[in-house]
Amino acid sequence: ANGAIVNQPGFSAAFSCKKGTPMVPVQSCRVW
């Protein structure tokens, strides 16, 4: 759950999370 959520480009807007919070890290991983 969390391992994928932190890399989702749409999650931050959905829950109004600021960059730098644990679920919206400054650096994330994205392959596809």
PDB file of all heavy atoms in Angstrom:
ATOM      1  N   ALA A   1       0.835  -1.204   0.000  1.00  0.00           N
ATOM      2  CA  ALA A   1       0.000   0.000   0.000  1.00  0.00           C
ATOM      3  C   ALA A   1       0.872   1.259   0.000  1.00  0.00           C
ATOM      4  O   ALA A   1       0.929   1.985  -0.992  1.00  0.00           O
ATOM      5  CB  ALA A   1      -0.934  -0.016   1.202  1.00  0.00           C
ATOM      6  N   ASN A   2       1.574   1.499   1.094  1.00  0.00           N
ATOM      7  CA  ASN A   2       2.354   2.732   1.204  1.00  0.00           C
ATOM      8  C   ASN A   2       3.497   2.806   0.205  1.00  0.00           C
ATOM      9  O   ASN A   2       3.831   3.879  -0.288  1.00  0.00           O
ATOM     10  CB  ASN A   2       2.912   2.869   2.618  1.00  0.00           C
ATOM     11  CG  ASN A   2       1.889   3.411   3.594  1.00  0.00           C
ATOM     12  OD1 ASN A   2       0.770   3.747   3.209  1.00  0.00           O
ATOM     13  ND2 ASN A   2       2.256   3.486   4.864  1.00  0.00           N
ATOM     14  N   GLY A   3       4.110   1.656  -0.098  1.00  0.00           N
ATOM     15  CA  GLY A   3       5.251   1.656  -1.009  1.00  0.00           C
ATOM     16  C   GLY A   3       4.892   2.143  -2.395  1.00  0.00           C
ATOM     17  O   GLY A   3       5.722   2.744  -3.097  1.00  0.00           O
ATOM     18  N   ALA A   4       3.658   1.892  -2.819  1.00  0.00           N
ATOM     19  CA  ALA A   4       3.205   2.376  -4.123  1.00  0.00           C
ATOM     20  C   ALA A   4       2.636   3.787  -4.028  1.00  0.00           C
ATOM     21  O   ALA A   4       2.842   4.614  -4.931  1.00  0.00           O
ATOM     22  CB  ALA A   4       2.157   1.425  -4.696  1.00  0.00           C
ATOM     23  N   ILE A   5       1.921   4.075  -2.944  1.00  0.00           N
ATOM     24  CA  ILE A   5       1.288   5.394  -2.798  1.00  0.00           C
ATOM     25  C   ILE A   5       2.318   6.513  -2.861  1.00  0.00           C
ATOM     26  O   ILE A   5       2.080   7.568  -3.471  1.00  0.00           O
ATOM     27  CB  ILE A   5       0.492   5.470  -1.472  1.00  0.00           C
ATOM     28  CG1 ILE A   5      -0.776   4.608  -1.555  1.00  0.00           C
ATOM     29  CG2 ILE A   5       0.143   6.916  -1.129  1.00  0.00           C
ATOM     30  CD1 ILE A   5      -1.829   5.108  -2.505  1.00  0.00           C
ATOM     31  N   VAL A   6       3.480   6.333  -2.261  1.00  0.00           N
ATOM     32  CA  VAL A   6       4.473   7.419  -2.217  1.00  0.00           C
ATOM     33  C   VAL A   6       4.993   7.784  -3.601  1.00  0.00           C
ATOM     34  O   VAL A   6       5.601   8.851  -3.771  1.00  0.00           O
ATOM     35  CB  VAL A   6       5.671   7.065  -1.300  1.00  0.00           C
ATOM     36  CG1 VAL A   6       5.218   6.880   0.121  1.00  0.00           C
ATOM     37  CG2 VAL A   6       6.418   5.831  -1.807  1.00  0.00           C
ATOM     38  N   ASN A   7       4.751   6.930  -4.584  1.00  0.00           N
ATOM     39  CA  ASN A   7       5.245   7.189  -5.936  1.00  0.00           C
ATOM     40  C   ASN A   7       4.142   7.578  -6.916  1.00  0.00           C
ATOM     41  O   ASN A   7       4.366   7.597  -8.126  1.00  0.00           O
ATOM     42  CB  ASN A   7       5.978   5.946  -6.458  1.00  0.00           C
ATOM     43  CG  ASN A   7       7.175   5.577  -5.613  1.00  0.00           C
ATOM     44  OD1 ASN A   7       7.960   6.445  -5.249  1.00  0.00           O
ATOM     45  ND2 ASN A   7       7.313   4.302  -5.279  1.00  0.00           N
ATOM     46  N   GLN A   8       2.944   7.892  -6.397  1.00  0.00           N
ATOM     47  CA  GLN A   8       1.812   8.186  -7.271  1.00  0.00           C
ATOM     48  C   GLN A   8       1.683   9.679  -7.564  1.00  0.00           C
ATOM     49  O   GLN A   8       1.513  10.482  -6.637  1.00  0.00           O
ATOM     50  CB  GLN A   8       0.520   7.665  -6.652  1.00  0.00           C
ATOM     51  CG  GLN A   8       0.485   6.160  -6.496  1.00  0.00           C
ATOM     52  CD  GLN A   8       0.726   5.438  -7.809  1.00  0.00           C
ATOM     53  OE1 GLN A   8       0.019   5.671  -8.791  1.00  0.00           O
ATOM     54  NE2 GLN A   8       1.716   4.556  -7.829  1.00  0.00           N
ATOM     55  N   PRO A   9       1.723  10.073  -8.827  1.00  0.00           N
ATOM     56  CA  PRO A   9       1.635  11.502  -9.149  1.00  0.00           C
ATOM     57  C   PRO A   9       0.278  12.123  -8.823  1.00  0.00           C
ATOM     58  O   PRO A   9       0.187  13.336  -8.631  1.00  0.00           O
ATOM     59  CB  PRO A   9       1.902  11.539 -10.660  1.00  0.00           C
ATOM     60  CG  PRO A   9       1.620  10.153 -11.156  1.00  0.00           C
ATOM     61  CD  PRO A   9       1.967   9.241 -10.018  1.00  0.00           C
ATOM     62  N   GLY A  10      -0.788  11.310  -8.733  1.00  0.00           N
ATOM     63  CA  GLY A  10      -2.108  11.876  -8.460  1.00  0.00           C
ATOM     64  C   GLY A  10      -2.486  11.933  -7.003  1.00  0.00           C
ATOM     65  O   GLY A  10      -3.509  12.545  -6.643  1.00  0.00           O
ATOM     66  N   PHE A  11      -1.706  11.330  -6.131  1.00  0.00           N
ATOM     67  CA  PHE A  11      -2.105  11.204  -4.732  1.00  0.00           C
ATOM     68  C   PHE A  11      -2.084  12.533  -3.991  1.00  0.00           C
ATOM     69  O   PHE A  11      -2.982  12.836  -3.197  1.00  0.00           O
ATOM     70  CB  PHE A  11      -1.205  10.191  -4.020  1.00  0.00           C
ATOM     71  CG  PHE A  11      -1.510  10.056  -2.553  1.00  0.00           C
ATOM     72  CD1 PHE A  11      -2.596   9.311  -2.125  1.00  0.00           C
ATOM     73  CD2 PHE A  11      -0.725  10.691  -1.597  1.00  0.00           C
ATOM     74  CE1 PHE A  11      -2.894   9.191  -0.773  1.00  0.00           C
ATOM     75  CE2 PHE A  11      -1.013  10.576  -0.252  1.00  0.00           C
ATOM     76  CZ  PHE A  11      -2.097   9.824   0.159  1.00  0.00           C
ATOM     77  N   SER A  12      -1.072  13.339  -4.228  1.00  0.00           N
ATOM     78  CA  SER A  12      -0.908  14.595  -3.488  1.00  0.00           C
ATOM     79  C   SER A  12      -2.139  15.480  -3.625  1.00  0.00           C
ATOM     80  O   SER A  12      -2.675  15.986  -2.624  1.00  0.00           O
ATOM     81  CB  SER A  12       0.331  15.334  -3.996  1.00  0.00           C
ATOM     82  OG  SER A  12       0.434  16.612  -3.395  1.00  0.00           O
ATOM     83  N   ALA A  13      -2.632  15.646  -4.855  1.00  0.00           N
ATOM     84  CA  ALA A  13      -3.801  16.503  -5.072  1.00  0.00           C
ATOM     85  C   ALA A  13      -5.053  15.895  -4.454  1.00  0.00           C
ATOM     86  O   ALA A  13      -5.916  16.613  -3.934  1.00  0.00           O
ATOM     87  CB  ALA A  13      -4.001  16.737  -6.565  1.00  0.00           C
ATOM     88  N   ALA A  14      -5.160  14.580  -4.501  1.00  0.00           N
ATOM     89  CA  ALA A  14      -6.361  13.915  -3.994  1.00  0.00           C
ATOM     90  C   ALA A  14      -6.563  14.184  -2.511  1.00  0.00           C
ATOM     91  O   ALA A  14      -7.697  14.354  -2.051  1.00  0.00           O
ATOM     92  CB  ALA A  14      -6.276  12.415  -4.262  1.00  0.00           C
ATOM     93  N   PHE A  15      -5.475  14.230  -1.742  1.00  0.00           N
ATOM     94  CA  PHE A  15      -5.588  14.404  -0.287  1.00  0.00           C
ATOM     95  C   PHE A  15      -4.944  15.701   0.200  1.00  0.00           C
ATOM     96  O   PHE A  15      -4.734  15.868   1.402  1.00  0.00           O
ATOM     97  CB  PHE A  15      -4.977  13.200   0.425  1.00  0.00           C
ATOM     98  CG  PHE A  15      -5.857  11.976   0.373  1.00  0.00           C
ATOM     99  CD1 PHE A  15      -5.744  11.072  -0.664  1.00  0.00           C
ATOM    100  CD2 PHE A  15      -6.830  11.763   1.335  1.00  0.00           C
ATOM    101  CE1 PHE A  15      -6.564   9.950  -0.734  1.00  0.00           C
ATOM    102  CE2 PHE A  15      -7.659  10.652   1.281  1.00  0.00           C
ATOM    103  CZ  PHE A  15      -7.534   9.740   0.241  1.00  0.00           C
ATOM    104  N   SER A  16      -4.632  16.596  -0.741  1.00  0.00           N
ATOM    105  CA  SER A  16      -4.049  17.904  -0.394  1.00  0.00           C
ATOM    106  C   SER A  16      -2.811  17.751   0.482  1.00  0.00           C
ATOM    107  O   SER A  16      -2.642  18.443   1.500  1.00  0.00           O
ATOM    108  CB  SER A  16      -5.093  18.783   0.321  1.00  0.00           C
ATOM    109  OG  SER A  16      -6.220  18.975  -0.510  1.00  0.00           O
ATOM    110  N   CYS A  17      -1.953  16.826   0.092  1.00  0.00           N
ATOM    111  CA  CYS A  17      -0.714  16.584   0.836  1.00  0.00           C
ATOM    112  C   CYS A  17       0.413  17.432   0.255  1.00  0.00           C
ATOM    113  O   CYS A  17       0.587  17.496  -0.967  1.00  0.00           O
ATOM    114  CB  CYS A  17      -0.326  15.106   0.767  1.00  0.00           C
ATOM    115  SG  CYS A  17      -1.525  13.988   1.513  1.00  0.00           S
ATOM    116  N   LYS A  18       1.169  18.052   1.122  1.00  0.00           N
ATOM    117  CA  LYS A  18       2.276  18.888   0.677  1.00  0.00           C
ATOM    118  C   LYS A  18       3.503  18.047   0.383  1.00  0.00           C
ATOM    119  O   LYS A  18       3.747  17.021   1.021  1.00  0.00           O
ATOM    120  CB  LYS A  18       2.611  19.927   1.751  1.00  0.00           C
ATOM    121  CG  LYS A  18       1.504  20.943   1.988  1.00  0.00           C
ATOM    122  CD  LYS A  18       1.911  21.953   3.053  1.00  0.00           C
ATOM    123  CE  LYS A  18       0.794  22.974   3.293  1.00  0.00           C
ATOM    124  NZ  LYS A  18       1.183  23.948   4.343  1.00  0.00           N
ATOM    125  N   LYS A  19       4.278  18.464  -0.581  1.00  0.00           N
ATOM    126  CA  LYS A  19       5.533  17.796  -0.901  1.00  0.00           C
ATOM    127  C   LYS A  19       6.440  17.855   0.310  1.00  0.00           C
ATOM    128  O   LYS A  19       6.551  18.877   0.969  1.00  0.00           O
ATOM    129  CB  LYS A  19       6.201  18.458  -2.107  1.00  0.00           C
ATOM    130  CG  LYS A  19       7.321  17.644  -2.707  1.00  0.00           C
ATOM    131  CD  LYS A  19       7.782  18.263  -4.012  1.00  0.00           C
ATOM    132  CE  LYS A  19       7.885  17.390  -5.206  1.00  0.00           C
ATOM    133  NZ  LYS A  19       7.415  16.096  -5.291  1.00  0.00           N
ATOM    134  N   GLY A  20       7.058  16.732   0.617  1.00  0.00           N
ATOM    135  CA  GLY A  20       7.917  16.646   1.787  1.00  0.00           C
ATOM    136  C   GLY A  20       7.270  15.911   2.940  1.00  0.00           C
ATOM    137  O   GLY A  20       7.961  15.546   3.901  1.00  0.00           O
ATOM    138  N   THR A  21       5.953  15.677   2.859  1.00  0.00           N
ATOM    139  CA  THR A  21       5.302  14.827   3.857  1.00  0.00           C
ATOM    140  C   THR A  21       5.664  13.370   3.554  1.00  0.00           C
ATOM    141  O   THR A  21       6.077  13.041   2.436  1.00  0.00           O
ATOM    142  CB  THR A  21       3.776  15.009   3.846  1.00  0.00           C
ATOM    143  OG1 THR A  21       3.282  14.764   2.523  1.00  0.00           O
ATOM    144  CG2 THR A  21       3.396  16.418   4.276  1.00  0.00           C
ATOM    145  N   PRO A  22       5.535  12.471   4.532  1.00  0.00           N
ATOM    146  CA  PRO A  22       5.970  11.083   4.307  1.00  0.00           C
ATOM    147  C   PRO A  22       5.356  10.415   3.078  1.00  0.00           C
ATOM    148  O   PRO A  22       6.031   9.627   2.402  1.00  0.00           O
ATOM    149  CB  PRO A  22       5.534  10.377   5.599  1.00  0.00           C
ATOM    150  CG  PRO A  22       5.606  11.442   6.639  1.00  0.00           C
ATOM    151  CD  PRO A  22       5.154  12.694   5.953  1.00  0.00           C
ATOM    152  N   MET A  23       4.097  10.719   2.750  1.00  0.00           N
ATOM    153  CA  MET A  23       3.455  10.078   1.605  1.00  0.00           C
ATOM    154  C   MET A  23       3.718  10.801   0.284  1.00  0.00           C
ATOM    155  O   MET A  23       3.368  10.292  -0.785  1.00  0.00           O
ATOM    156  CB  MET A  23       1.941   9.968   1.832  1.00  0.00           C
ATOM    157  CG  MET A  23       1.537   9.000   2.929  1.00  0.00           C
ATOM    158  SD  MET A  23       1.864   7.259   2.520  1.00  0.00           S
ATOM    159  CE  MET A  23       3.410   6.978   3.390  1.00  0.00           C
ATOM    160  N   VAL A  24       4.337  11.973   0.362  1.00  0.00           N
ATOM    161  CA  VAL A  24       4.699  12.718  -0.853  1.00  0.00           C
ATOM    162  C   VAL A  24       6.149  13.172  -0.707  1.00  0.00           C
ATOM    163  O   VAL A  24       6.443  14.355  -0.514  1.00  0.00           O
ATOM    164  CB  VAL A  24       3.766  13.927  -1.089  1.00  0.00           C
ATOM    165  CG1 VAL A  24       4.038  14.543  -2.466  1.00  0.00           C
ATOM    166  CG2 VAL A  24       2.299  13.511  -0.997  1.00  0.00           C
ATOM    167  N   PRO A  25       7.094  12.220  -0.770  1.00  0.00           N
ATOM    168  CA  PRO A  25       8.501  12.573  -0.560  1.00  0.00           C
ATOM    169  C   PRO A  25       9.027  13.471  -1.676  1.00  0.00           C
ATOM    170  O   PRO A  25       8.486  13.505  -2.787  1.00  0.00           O
ATOM    171  CB  PRO A  25       9.193  11.209  -0.565  1.00  0.00           C
ATOM    172  CG  PRO A  25       8.295  10.321  -1.369  1.00  0.00           C
ATOM    173  CD  PRO A  25       6.904  10.790  -1.082  1.00  0.00           C
ATOM    174  N   VAL A  26      10.079  14.174  -1.366  1.00  0.00           N
ATOM    175  CA  VAL A  26      10.700  15.052  -2.361  1.00  0.00           C
ATOM    176  C   VAL A  26      11.210  14.238  -3.532  1.00  0.00           C
ATOM    177  O   VAL A  26      11.061  14.617  -4.701  1.00  0.00           O
ATOM    178  CB  VAL A  26      11.841  15.866  -1.717  1.00  0.00           C
ATOM    179  CG1 VAL A  26      12.577  16.690  -2.777  1.00  0.00           C
ATOM    180  CG2 VAL A  26      11.291  16.767  -0.615  1.00  0.00           C
ATOM    181  N   GLN A  27      11.806  13.090  -3.243  1.00  0.00           N
ATOM    182  CA  GLN A  27      12.295  12.195  -4.285  1.00  0.00           C
ATOM    183  C   GLN A  27      11.447  10.928  -4.286  1.00  0.00           C
ATOM    184  O   GLN A  27      11.280  10.286  -3.251  1.00  0.00           O
ATOM    185  CB  GLN A  27      13.768  11.829  -4.032  1.00  0.00           C
ATOM    186  CG  GLN A  27      14.727  13.012  -4.072  1.00  0.00           C
ATOM    187  CD  GLN A  27      14.835  13.629  -5.456  1.00  0.00           C
ATOM    188  OE1 GLN A  27      14.719  12.935  -6.465  1.00  0.00           O
ATOM    189  NE2 GLN A  27      15.054  14.941  -5.505  1.00  0.00           N
ATOM    190  N   SER A  28      10.900  10.580  -5.430  1.00  0.00           N
ATOM    191  CA  SER A  28      10.098   9.364  -5.539  1.00  0.00           C
ATOM    192  C   SER A  28      10.599   8.538  -6.719  1.00  0.00           C
ATOM    193  O   SER A  28      11.445   8.980  -7.494  1.00  0.00           O
ATOM    194  CB  SER A  28       8.615   9.703  -5.710  1.00  0.00           C
ATOM    195  OG  SER A  28       8.405  10.459  -6.886  1.00  0.00           O
ATOM    196  N   CYS A  29      10.063   7.325  -6.823  1.00  0.00           N
ATOM    197  CA  CYS A  29      10.485   6.396  -7.882  1.00  0.00           C
ATOM    198  C   CYS A  29       9.363   6.244  -8.897  1.00  0.00           C
ATOM    199  O   CYS A  29       8.196   6.094  -8.515  1.00  0.00           O
ATOM    200  CB  CYS A  29      10.819   5.025  -7.293  1.00  0.00           C
ATOM    201  SG  CYS A  29      12.090   5.041  -6.015  1.00  0.00           S
ATOM    202  N   ARG A  30       9.705   6.235 -10.154  1.00  0.00           N
ATOM    203  CA  ARG A  30       8.692   6.051 -11.202  1.00  0.00           C
ATOM    204  C   ARG A  30       9.327   5.314 -12.363  1.00  0.00           C
ATOM    205  O   ARG A  30      10.317   5.753 -12.929  1.00  0.00           O
ATOM    206  CB  ARG A  30       8.158   7.415 -11.652  1.00  0.00           C
ATOM    207  CG  ARG A  30       7.188   7.379 -12.843  1.00  0.00           C
ATOM    208  CD  ARG A  30       5.772   7.089 -12.425  1.00  0.00           C
ATOM    209  NE  ARG A  30       4.906   6.929 -13.590  1.00  0.00           N
ATOM    210  CZ  ARG A  30       4.281   7.921 -14.228  1.00  0.00           C
ATOM    211  NH1 ARG A  30       4.438   9.167 -13.804  1.00  0.00           N
ATOM    212  NH2 ARG A  30       3.508   7.668 -15.261  1.00  0.00           N
ATOM    213  N   VAL A  31       8.746   4.173 -12.727  1.00  0.00           N
ATOM    214  CA  VAL A  31       9.180   3.441 -13.918  1.00  0.00           C
ATOM    215  C   VAL A  31       8.149   3.664 -15.008  1.00  0.00           C
ATOM    216  O   VAL A  31       8.424   4.267 -16.040  1.00  0.00           O
ATOM    217  CB  VAL A  31       9.339   1.933 -13.630  1.00  0.00           C
ATOM    218  CG1 VAL A  31       9.880   1.205 -14.865  1.00  0.00           C
ATOM    219  CG2 VAL A  31      10.263   1.706 -12.443  1.00  0.00           C
ATOM    220  N   TRP A  32       6.934   3.188 -14.752  1.00  0.00           N
ATOM    221  CA  TRP A  32       5.848   3.337 -15.740  1.00  0.00           C
ATOM    222  C   TRP A  32       4.858   4.393 -15.254  1.00  0.00           C
ATOM    223  O   TRP A  32       4.660   4.592 -14.089  1.00  0.00           O
ATOM    224  CB  TRP A  32       5.140   2.005 -15.967  1.00  0.00           C
ATOM    225  CG  TRP A  32       6.093   0.950 -16.462  1.00  0.00           C
ATOM    226  CD1 TRP A  32       6.597  -0.101 -15.745  1.00  0.00           C
ATOM    227  CD2 TRP A  32       6.681   0.862 -17.747  1.00  0.00           C
ATOM    228  NE1 TRP A  32       7.451  -0.841 -16.506  1.00  0.00           N
ATOM    229  CE2 TRP A  32       7.527  -0.274 -17.754  1.00  0.00           C
ATOM    230  CE3 TRP A  32       6.580   1.623 -18.916  1.00  0.00           C
ATOM    231  CZ2 TRP A  32       8.268  -0.650 -18.873  1.00  0.00           C
ATOM    232  CZ3 TRP A  32       7.317   1.242 -20.021  1.00  0.00           C
ATOM    233  CH2 TRP A  32       8.155   0.127 -19.988  1.00  0.00           C
TER     234      TRP A  32
END
